[in-house]
N, C-alpha and C. Protein backbone atom coordinates (compact mmCIF):
# COMPACT_ATOMS: atom_id res chain seq x y z
N UNK A 1 79.84 8.30 34.80
CA UNK A 1 80.53 7.84 34.70
C UNK A 1 81.94 9.48 35.14
N UNK A 2 81.47 9.88 34.73
CA UNK A 2 82.91 11.16 35.14
C UNK A 2 81.95 11.83 36.67
N UNK A 3 81.07 11.83 37.25
CA UNK A 3 80.75 12.03 38.21
C UNK A 3 81.15 11.25 38.88
N UNK A 4 81.23 9.56 38.77
CA UNK A 4 82.00 9.00 39.82
C UNK A 4 83.51 9.19 39.94
N UNK A 5 84.22 9.39 38.44
CA UNK A 5 85.56 10.20 38.91
C UNK A 5 86.18 11.08 39.59
N UNK A 6 85.19 12.29 39.47
CA UNK A 6 85.53 13.68 40.08
C UNK A 6 84.90 13.78 41.65
N UNK A 7 84.19 12.79 42.16
CA UNK A 7 84.27 12.29 43.47
C UNK A 7 85.10 11.18 43.89
N UNK A 8 85.52 10.48 43.46
CA UNK A 8 87.00 9.84 43.71
C UNK A 8 87.86 10.74 44.01
N UNK A 9 88.31 11.39 43.06
CA UNK A 9 89.36 12.62 43.16
C UNK A 9 89.03 13.31 44.29
N UNK A 10 87.90 13.94 44.38
CA UNK A 10 87.39 14.94 45.95
C UNK A 10 87.99 13.94 46.99
N UNK A 11 87.70 12.62 46.94
CA UNK A 11 88.02 11.54 48.32
C UNK A 11 89.30 11.92 48.62
N UNK A 12 89.74 11.56 47.23
CA UNK A 12 91.36 11.33 47.42
C UNK A 12 91.74 12.85 48.01
N UNK A 13 92.02 13.85 47.48
CA UNK A 13 92.08 15.37 47.52
C UNK A 13 91.89 15.26 49.34
N UNK A 14 90.57 14.90 50.07
CA UNK A 14 89.70 15.26 51.56
C UNK A 14 90.92 14.77 52.06
N UNK A 15 91.13 13.09 51.28
CA UNK A 15 91.85 12.19 52.58
C UNK A 15 93.71 12.26 52.97
N UNK A 16 94.31 13.32 51.67
CA UNK A 16 95.58 13.55 51.89
C UNK A 16 94.96 15.06 52.88
N UNK A 17 94.21 16.05 52.43
CA UNK A 17 94.40 17.39 53.91
C UNK A 17 94.14 16.76 54.95
N UNK A 18 93.14 15.72 54.91
CA UNK A 18 93.53 14.96 56.87
C UNK A 18 94.46 14.34 57.14
N UNK A 19 95.30 13.95 56.25
CA UNK A 19 96.23 13.36 57.00
C UNK A 19 97.12 14.72 57.05
N UNK A 20 97.03 15.33 55.98
CA UNK A 20 98.62 16.63 56.38
C UNK A 20 98.27 17.06 57.62
N UNK A 21 96.51 17.85 57.64
CA UNK A 21 96.23 18.01 59.41
C UNK A 21 96.39 17.14 60.46
N UNK A 22 96.68 15.97 60.32
CA UNK A 22 97.09 15.20 61.37
C UNK A 22 98.22 15.01 61.44
N UNK A 23 99.21 15.25 60.01
CA UNK A 23 100.88 15.60 60.57
C UNK A 23 101.02 17.31 61.49
N UNK A 24 100.44 17.68 61.21
CA UNK A 24 100.93 18.89 61.43
C UNK A 24 100.41 19.06 63.04
N UNK A 25 99.13 18.37 63.47
CA UNK A 25 99.11 18.51 65.15
C UNK A 25 99.92 17.58 65.34
N UNK A 26 100.64 16.73 65.11
CA UNK A 26 101.13 15.59 64.96
C UNK A 26 100.98 13.94 66.16
N UNK A 27 99.98 14.04 65.53
CA UNK A 27 99.15 13.47 66.23
C UNK A 27 99.20 11.85 65.60
N UNK A 28 100.10 11.92 64.51
CA UNK A 28 100.20 10.50 63.99
C UNK A 28 100.60 9.19 64.72
N UNK A 29 101.52 9.15 65.76
CA UNK A 29 101.74 8.41 66.39
C UNK A 29 101.45 7.90 67.94
N UNK A 30 100.30 9.15 68.12
CA UNK A 30 99.33 9.51 69.49
C UNK A 30 98.74 8.11 69.31
N UNK A 31 98.99 6.87 70.57
CA UNK A 31 97.88 6.28 71.28
C UNK A 31 97.02 6.58 71.97
N UNK A 32 95.77 6.96 72.15
CA UNK A 32 94.94 7.43 72.81
C UNK A 32 94.44 5.76 74.06
N UNK A 33 94.53 6.51 75.20
CA UNK A 33 94.44 5.28 76.09
C UNK A 33 93.16 4.86 76.19
N UNK A 34 92.82 3.57 76.58
CA UNK A 34 91.12 3.42 76.46
C UNK A 34 90.67 4.00 77.74
N UNK A 35 91.14 4.51 78.90
CA UNK A 35 90.56 5.09 79.86
C UNK A 35 89.64 6.57 79.50
N UNK A 36 90.57 6.69 78.53
CA UNK A 36 90.25 8.30 77.91
C UNK A 36 88.68 8.60 77.02
N UNK A 37 88.55 7.25 76.70
CA UNK A 37 87.22 7.16 75.58
C UNK A 37 86.35 7.24 76.30
N UNK A 38 85.46 8.03 75.74
CA UNK A 38 83.96 8.21 76.65
C UNK A 38 83.10 7.17 76.56
N UNK A 39 82.78 6.51 77.28
CA UNK A 39 81.20 5.58 76.84
C UNK A 39 79.99 6.48 77.03
N UNK A 40 78.90 5.89 76.29
CA UNK A 40 77.90 6.53 76.25
C UNK A 40 76.78 6.27 77.79
N UNK A 41 75.89 6.72 78.27
CA UNK A 41 75.48 6.38 79.66
C UNK A 41 74.52 5.06 79.29
N UNK A 42 75.42 4.04 79.92
CA UNK A 42 74.48 3.04 79.39
C UNK A 42 74.79 2.30 80.84
N UNK A 43 73.47 1.86 81.64
CA UNK A 43 73.64 1.22 82.73
C UNK A 43 73.23 -0.09 82.76
N UNK A 44 74.11 -0.80 83.15
CA UNK A 44 73.34 -2.95 82.89
C UNK A 44 73.37 -2.67 84.45
N UNK A 45 72.12 -3.49 84.79
CA UNK A 45 72.10 -4.18 86.16
C UNK A 45 72.18 -5.28 86.20
N UNK A 46 73.89 -5.75 86.56
CA UNK A 46 73.89 -7.15 86.46
C UNK A 46 73.59 -7.74 88.06
N UNK A 47 73.70 -7.01 88.49
CA UNK A 47 73.36 -7.50 90.32
C UNK A 47 71.91 -8.25 90.41
N UNK A 48 70.97 -7.68 89.45
CA UNK A 48 70.28 -8.45 89.27
C UNK A 48 69.81 -9.80 89.77
N UNK A 49 70.74 -10.14 88.65
CA UNK A 49 71.09 -12.16 88.54
C UNK A 49 71.77 -12.35 89.65
N UNK A 50 72.08 -11.86 90.90
CA UNK A 50 73.02 -12.50 91.86
C UNK A 50 71.59 -12.53 92.53
N UNK A 51 71.61 -13.75 93.36
CA UNK A 51 70.19 -13.92 94.61
C UNK A 51 69.64 -14.75 93.63
N UNK A 52 68.56 -15.81 94.43
CA UNK A 52 68.52 -16.87 94.08
C UNK A 52 67.46 -17.33 92.87
N UNK A 53 67.63 -18.19 92.54
CA UNK A 53 66.98 -18.46 90.95
C UNK A 53 65.99 -17.92 90.79
N UNK A 54 65.45 -17.64 89.52
CA UNK A 54 63.76 -17.18 89.33
C UNK A 54 63.99 -17.53 88.00
N UNK A 55 62.99 -18.47 88.10
CA UNK A 55 62.87 -19.22 86.87
C UNK A 55 62.00 -18.26 85.20
N UNK A 56 61.22 -17.45 86.10
CA UNK A 56 61.05 -15.92 84.87
C UNK A 56 62.16 -15.20 84.35
N UNK A 57 62.84 -15.11 85.46
CA UNK A 57 63.96 -13.89 84.76
C UNK A 57 64.80 -14.70 84.04
N UNK A 58 64.97 -15.97 84.52
CA UNK A 58 66.04 -16.87 83.65
C UNK A 58 65.36 -16.92 81.99
N UNK A 59 64.26 -17.57 81.89
CA UNK A 59 63.15 -17.36 80.72
C UNK A 59 62.91 -16.61 79.89
N UNK A 60 62.58 -14.66 80.41
CA UNK A 60 63.00 -13.61 79.75
C UNK A 60 64.37 -13.46 79.17
N UNK A 61 65.43 -13.36 80.25
CA UNK A 61 67.07 -13.16 79.42
C UNK A 61 67.26 -14.55 78.04
N UNK A 62 66.92 -15.50 78.81
CA UNK A 62 66.75 -16.43 77.59
C UNK A 62 66.26 -16.37 76.08
N UNK A 63 64.91 -16.02 76.16
CA UNK A 63 64.17 -15.32 74.99
C UNK A 63 64.92 -13.81 74.51
N UNK A 64 65.22 -13.01 75.37
CA UNK A 64 65.98 -11.78 74.77
C UNK A 64 67.58 -12.54 74.01
N UNK A 65 68.09 -13.10 74.41
CA UNK A 65 69.45 -13.77 73.66
C UNK A 65 68.64 -14.47 72.49
N UNK A 66 68.10 -15.40 72.63
CA UNK A 66 67.37 -16.04 70.97
C UNK A 66 67.00 -14.96 70.03
N UNK A 67 66.54 -13.23 70.32
CA UNK A 67 66.14 -12.63 69.15
C UNK A 67 67.29 -11.79 68.89
N UNK A 68 67.95 -11.53 69.96
CA UNK A 68 69.23 -10.42 69.78
C UNK A 68 71.00 -11.04 69.68
N UNK A 69 71.49 -12.11 69.36
CA UNK A 69 72.25 -12.99 69.94
C UNK A 69 73.16 -12.01 68.47
N UNK A 70 72.68 -12.03 67.29
CA UNK A 70 72.94 -11.48 66.11
C UNK A 70 73.54 -10.30 66.42
N UNK A 71 74.56 -9.59 66.47
CA UNK A 71 74.98 -8.12 66.27
C UNK A 71 75.54 -7.67 64.94
N UNK A 72 74.69 -6.48 64.33
CA UNK A 72 74.87 -5.67 62.98
C UNK A 72 76.44 -4.84 62.75
N UNK A 73 76.48 -5.43 61.72
CA UNK A 73 78.26 -4.93 61.51
C UNK A 73 77.83 -3.40 61.63
N UNK A 74 77.40 -2.99 60.26
CA UNK A 74 76.48 -1.85 59.94
C UNK A 74 75.54 -1.39 60.25
N UNK A 75 75.16 -0.23 61.11
CA UNK A 75 73.81 0.58 61.16
C UNK A 75 74.31 1.57 60.18
N UNK A 76 72.50 2.42 59.74
CA UNK A 76 72.54 3.29 58.79
C UNK A 76 73.37 4.66 59.51
N UNK A 77 73.84 5.43 58.74
CA UNK A 77 74.41 6.32 59.28
C UNK A 77 73.47 7.67 58.24
N UNK A 78 73.32 8.90 58.96
CA UNK A 78 72.63 9.58 58.75
C UNK A 78 72.83 11.25 59.96
N UNK A 79 72.67 12.13 59.37
CA UNK A 79 72.47 13.13 60.19
C UNK A 79 71.39 14.12 60.23
N UNK A 80 71.26 14.55 61.33
CA UNK A 80 70.07 15.41 61.42
C UNK A 80 70.68 16.82 61.47
N UNK A 81 72.44 16.95 60.97
CA UNK A 81 72.70 18.39 60.70
C UNK A 81 71.87 19.40 59.36
N UNK A 82 71.19 20.32 59.21
CA UNK A 82 71.32 20.71 57.60
C UNK A 82 72.04 20.77 56.94
N UNK A 83 72.93 21.89 57.21
CA UNK A 83 74.17 22.33 56.24
C UNK A 83 75.00 21.24 56.02
N UNK A 84 76.03 20.61 57.09
CA UNK A 84 76.94 19.99 56.71
C UNK A 84 76.36 18.41 57.18
N UNK A 85 75.43 18.33 57.55
CA UNK A 85 74.84 16.43 57.46
C UNK A 85 75.42 15.83 56.40
N UNK A 86 75.19 16.04 55.53
CA UNK A 86 75.62 15.28 54.18
C UNK A 86 76.95 15.23 53.71
N UNK A 87 77.64 16.15 54.70
CA UNK A 87 79.46 15.91 54.14
C UNK A 87 79.85 14.88 55.69
N UNK A 88 79.14 15.09 56.88
CA UNK A 88 79.06 14.30 58.01
C UNK A 88 79.19 12.71 57.45
N UNK A 89 77.72 12.59 57.11
CA UNK A 89 77.38 11.41 56.87
C UNK A 89 78.46 10.98 55.38
N UNK A 90 78.52 11.51 54.75
CA UNK A 90 79.58 10.94 53.77
C UNK A 90 81.07 10.54 54.01
N UNK A 91 81.90 11.54 55.19
CA UNK A 91 82.94 11.01 55.64
C UNK A 91 83.04 9.89 56.88
N UNK A 92 81.67 9.70 57.17
CA UNK A 92 81.67 8.57 58.06
C UNK A 92 81.32 7.48 57.15
N UNK A 93 80.94 6.96 56.24
CA UNK A 93 80.69 6.53 55.44
C UNK A 93 82.42 6.09 54.51
N UNK A 94 82.89 6.84 54.75
CA UNK A 94 84.37 6.75 53.92
C UNK A 94 84.88 6.05 55.10
N UNK A 95 85.11 6.64 55.89
CA UNK A 95 85.77 6.34 57.63
C UNK A 95 85.09 4.57 57.84
N UNK A 96 84.16 4.28 57.51
CA UNK A 96 83.34 2.85 57.82
C UNK A 96 83.94 2.06 56.58
N UNK A 97 84.31 2.63 55.11
CA UNK A 97 84.51 1.47 54.52
C UNK A 97 85.88 1.07 54.53
N UNK A 98 86.61 2.33 55.23
CA UNK A 98 88.17 2.64 55.68
C UNK A 98 88.47 1.53 56.54
N UNK A 99 87.68 1.29 57.28
CA UNK A 99 88.58 0.11 58.48
C UNK A 99 86.98 -1.12 58.78
N UNK A 100 86.79 -1.27 57.66
CA UNK A 100 85.44 -2.76 57.07
C UNK A 100 86.56 -3.69 57.98
N UNK A 101 87.40 -4.01 57.00
CA UNK A 101 88.73 -4.85 56.91
C UNK A 101 88.97 -5.48 58.56
N UNK A 102 89.10 -4.50 59.38
CA UNK A 102 89.25 -4.40 60.82
C UNK A 102 88.00 -5.14 61.52
N UNK A 103 86.87 -4.17 61.47
CA UNK A 103 85.62 -4.47 61.97
C UNK A 103 84.52 -5.56 61.92
N UNK A 104 84.95 -5.84 60.53
CA UNK A 104 84.12 -7.18 60.46
C UNK A 104 84.48 -8.40 61.11
N UNK A 105 85.66 -8.78 60.98
CA UNK A 105 86.24 -9.90 62.47
C UNK A 105 86.18 -9.76 63.50
N UNK A 106 85.80 -8.73 63.88
CA UNK A 106 85.86 -8.92 65.39
C UNK A 106 84.01 -9.21 65.54
N UNK A 107 83.33 -8.32 64.33
CA UNK A 107 81.83 -8.80 64.82
C UNK A 107 81.55 -10.25 64.63
N UNK A 108 82.35 -10.86 63.68
CA UNK A 108 81.71 -12.29 62.83
C UNK A 108 82.41 -13.03 64.61
N UNK A 109 83.48 -12.75 65.26
CA UNK A 109 83.58 -13.23 66.36
C UNK A 109 82.96 -13.20 67.26
N UNK A 110 82.58 -12.17 67.83
CA UNK A 110 81.27 -11.93 68.94
C UNK A 110 79.92 -12.19 68.32
N UNK A 111 79.92 -12.53 67.40
CA UNK A 111 78.75 -13.26 66.78
C UNK A 111 78.68 -14.33 67.35
N UNK A 112 79.96 -15.34 66.91
CA UNK A 112 80.07 -16.86 67.07
C UNK A 112 79.98 -17.14 68.65
N UNK A 113 80.63 -16.34 69.67
CA UNK A 113 80.51 -16.43 70.67
C UNK A 113 78.97 -16.10 71.45
N UNK A 114 77.89 -15.57 70.78
CA UNK A 114 76.81 -15.58 70.89
C UNK A 114 75.82 -16.57 71.10
N UNK A 115 76.33 -16.97 69.42
CA UNK A 115 75.61 -18.14 69.10
C UNK A 115 75.93 -19.42 69.71
N UNK A 116 77.09 -19.15 70.90
CA UNK A 116 77.53 -20.49 71.34
C UNK A 116 76.86 -20.11 73.01
N UNK A 117 77.00 -19.26 73.45
CA UNK A 117 76.51 -18.66 74.69
C UNK A 117 74.87 -18.83 74.46
N UNK A 118 74.07 -18.74 73.60
CA UNK A 118 72.77 -18.94 73.23
C UNK A 118 72.36 -20.21 73.79
N UNK A 119 73.32 -21.01 72.37
CA UNK A 119 72.88 -22.26 72.58
C UNK A 119 73.32 -22.88 74.05
N UNK A 120 74.01 -22.84 74.71
CA UNK A 120 74.64 -23.35 75.60
C UNK A 120 73.16 -22.67 76.33
N UNK A 121 72.61 -22.10 76.92
CA UNK A 121 71.85 -21.43 77.74
C UNK A 121 70.52 -22.09 77.30
N UNK A 122 70.56 -22.27 76.53
CA UNK A 122 68.72 -22.90 75.69
C UNK A 122 69.10 -25.01 76.31
N UNK A 123 70.20 -25.29 75.97
CA UNK A 123 70.49 -26.32 76.64
C UNK A 123 70.24 -26.51 78.15
N UNK A 124 70.60 -25.72 79.01
CA UNK A 124 70.65 -25.61 80.30
C UNK A 124 69.28 -25.22 80.62
N UNK A 125 68.27 -24.00 79.99
CA UNK A 125 66.67 -24.17 79.61
C UNK A 125 66.09 -25.58 79.60
N UNK A 126 66.68 -26.28 78.39
CA UNK A 126 65.92 -27.60 78.34
C UNK A 126 66.04 -28.59 79.27
N UNK A 127 67.20 -28.15 80.23
CA UNK A 127 67.59 -29.17 81.03
C UNK A 127 66.44 -28.94 82.07
N UNK A 128 66.64 -27.57 82.76
CA UNK A 128 65.98 -27.07 84.12
C UNK A 128 64.33 -27.64 83.54
N UNK A 129 63.80 -27.56 81.99
CA UNK A 129 62.51 -27.55 82.15
C UNK A 129 62.36 -28.97 81.83
N UNK A 130 63.37 -30.37 81.71
CA UNK A 130 63.08 -31.54 81.82
C UNK A 130 62.94 -31.70 83.50
N UNK A 131 63.90 -31.33 84.17
CA UNK A 131 64.06 -31.71 85.50
C UNK A 131 62.80 -31.42 85.93
N UNK A 132 62.47 -30.33 85.82
CA UNK A 132 61.12 -29.65 86.66
C UNK A 132 60.03 -30.87 86.05
N UNK A 133 59.55 -31.24 85.06
CA UNK A 133 58.68 -31.99 84.97
C UNK A 133 58.93 -33.82 85.13
N UNK A 134 60.60 -33.56 85.40
CA UNK A 134 60.90 -35.43 85.89
C UNK A 134 60.56 -34.91 87.59
N UNK A 135 60.45 -33.54 88.33
CA UNK A 135 60.01 -33.86 89.38
C UNK A 135 58.66 -34.01 89.93
N UNK A 136 58.00 -33.14 88.96
CA UNK A 136 56.41 -33.18 88.63
C UNK A 136 55.93 -34.60 88.69
N UNK A 137 56.44 -35.54 87.81
CA UNK A 137 56.03 -36.66 88.05
C UNK A 137 56.71 -37.84 88.59
N UNK A 138 57.67 -37.91 89.51
CA UNK A 138 58.01 -37.93 90.36
C UNK A 138 57.39 -37.84 92.25
N UNK A 139 57.07 -36.48 91.77
CA UNK A 139 56.28 -36.24 93.22
C UNK A 139 54.80 -37.03 92.90
N UNK A 140 53.63 -37.25 91.70
CA UNK A 140 52.95 -37.59 91.29
C UNK A 140 52.99 -39.23 91.69
N UNK A 141 54.68 -39.92 91.36
CA UNK A 141 54.74 -41.59 92.19
C UNK A 141 54.91 -41.35 93.29
N UNK A 142 55.64 -40.31 94.03
CA UNK A 142 55.76 -40.74 95.09
C UNK A 142 53.92 -40.55 96.25
N UNK A 143 53.80 -39.57 95.72
CA UNK A 143 52.29 -39.50 96.46
C UNK A 143 51.12 -41.01 95.83
N UNK A 144 51.27 -41.59 94.98
CA UNK A 144 50.91 -42.73 94.49
C UNK A 144 51.52 -44.04 95.04
N UNK A 145 52.86 -44.20 96.13
CA UNK A 145 53.54 -45.01 96.31
C UNK A 145 53.30 -44.60 98.14
N UNK A 146 52.95 -43.14 98.35
CA UNK A 146 52.90 -43.05 99.95
C UNK A 146 51.12 -43.74 99.96
N UNK A 147 50.03 -43.78 99.06
CA UNK A 147 49.07 -44.76 99.29
C UNK A 147 49.27 -45.85 99.23
N UNK A 148 49.63 -46.44 98.60
CA UNK A 148 49.74 -47.83 98.60
C UNK A 148 50.55 -48.29 99.35
N UNK A 149 51.28 -47.75 100.23
CA UNK A 149 51.92 -47.99 101.35
C UNK A 149 51.40 -48.26 102.51
N UNK A 150 49.92 -46.97 102.62
CA UNK A 150 49.25 -46.69 103.60
C UNK A 150 47.84 -47.90 103.42
N UNK A 151 47.69 -48.15 102.41
CA UNK A 151 47.03 -49.53 101.95
C UNK A 151 47.51 -50.86 102.57
N UNK A 152 49.03 -50.97 102.36
CA UNK A 152 49.53 -51.90 102.66
C UNK A 152 49.20 -51.78 104.14
N UNK A 153 50.00 -50.78 104.86
CA UNK A 153 50.04 -51.03 106.43
C UNK A 153 48.81 -51.30 106.68
N UNK A 154 47.36 -51.25 106.18
CA UNK A 154 46.31 -51.30 106.57
C UNK A 154 45.79 -52.34 106.68
N UNK A 155 46.50 -53.44 105.35
CA UNK A 155 45.98 -54.39 105.14
C UNK A 155 47.29 -55.62 105.91
N UNK A 156 48.01 -54.93 106.41
CA UNK A 156 49.34 -55.47 107.38
C UNK A 156 48.39 -56.15 109.00
N UNK A 157 48.27 -54.47 108.79
CA UNK A 157 47.23 -54.54 110.43
C UNK A 157 46.18 -55.78 110.57
N UNK A 158 45.18 -55.76 109.70
CA UNK A 158 44.02 -56.19 109.60
C UNK A 158 44.92 -57.58 109.42
N UNK A 159 45.84 -57.97 108.75
CA UNK A 159 46.07 -59.31 108.72
C UNK A 159 46.94 -59.91 110.48
N UNK A 160 47.80 -58.75 111.24
CA UNK A 160 48.22 -58.50 112.21
C UNK A 160 46.61 -59.57 113.29
N UNK A 161 45.53 -58.66 113.12
CA UNK A 161 44.18 -58.80 114.42
C UNK A 161 43.87 -59.53 113.70
N UNK A 162 43.94 -60.58 112.40
CA UNK A 162 43.16 -61.51 112.10
C UNK A 162 43.80 -62.95 112.72
N UNK A 163 45.48 -62.50 112.49
CA UNK A 163 46.28 -63.79 113.13
C UNK A 163 46.11 -63.69 114.36
N UNK A 164 45.87 -62.77 115.14
CA UNK A 164 45.89 -62.94 116.59
C UNK A 164 44.72 -63.19 117.17
N UNK A 165 43.65 -63.08 116.33
CA UNK A 165 42.25 -64.30 116.40
C UNK A 165 42.34 -65.52 116.81
N UNK A 166 42.75 -65.81 115.55
CA UNK A 166 43.14 -67.37 114.83
C UNK A 166 43.71 -67.49 116.11
N UNK A 167 45.23 -67.11 116.61
CA UNK A 167 45.78 -67.68 117.67
C UNK A 167 45.24 -67.83 118.67
N UNK A 168 44.39 -66.70 119.39
CA UNK A 168 43.66 -66.90 120.60
C UNK A 168 42.52 -67.79 120.18
N UNK A 169 41.97 -68.11 119.23
CA UNK A 169 41.02 -69.48 119.34
C UNK A 169 41.87 -70.50 119.25
N UNK A 170 42.84 -70.47 118.57
CA UNK A 170 43.42 -71.93 118.74
C UNK A 170 44.01 -72.40 120.17
N UNK A 171 44.61 -71.29 120.75
CA UNK A 171 44.55 -71.56 122.46
C UNK A 171 43.91 -71.54 123.00
N UNK A 172 42.47 -71.36 122.71
CA UNK A 172 41.52 -71.59 123.83
C UNK A 172 40.93 -72.59 123.72
N UNK A 173 41.59 -73.22 122.61
CA UNK A 173 41.15 -74.92 122.35
C UNK A 173 41.60 -75.74 123.07
């Protein structure tokens, strides 16, 4: 238990020294513009989605969303640097605890949006599959109706021929 108190005192001292350093550098009220934050090299090729509908692409994207719609608030923190790695990891964990109240609601909101987008896309997928099934059924019905129409046209032609024969027989008499 004494060890815990010592580490808490160290944390407090460290935080005080960080605050003093920030004040000395005059960074206290400085707000970093969004454009100056470096982004990781990630490329998202959204243009792939522009063009004719691809059922396969849609189903692949839908499967991905169903697997990964939930965003994790916390990832494991570690460092590969041999000497200062544990210290960096410790500071990162402290920093994470300090901003927890701010980050968790944002991630919760994003997860709610992701869940609803995924549900909506699942409904669209179900609608497409249902329409495809209906289209297949309708094509089969159309084929059957076409055969019946041909059969009826043949019967009508036969009946017309028979009627013409009867007329010619009765006019001959």
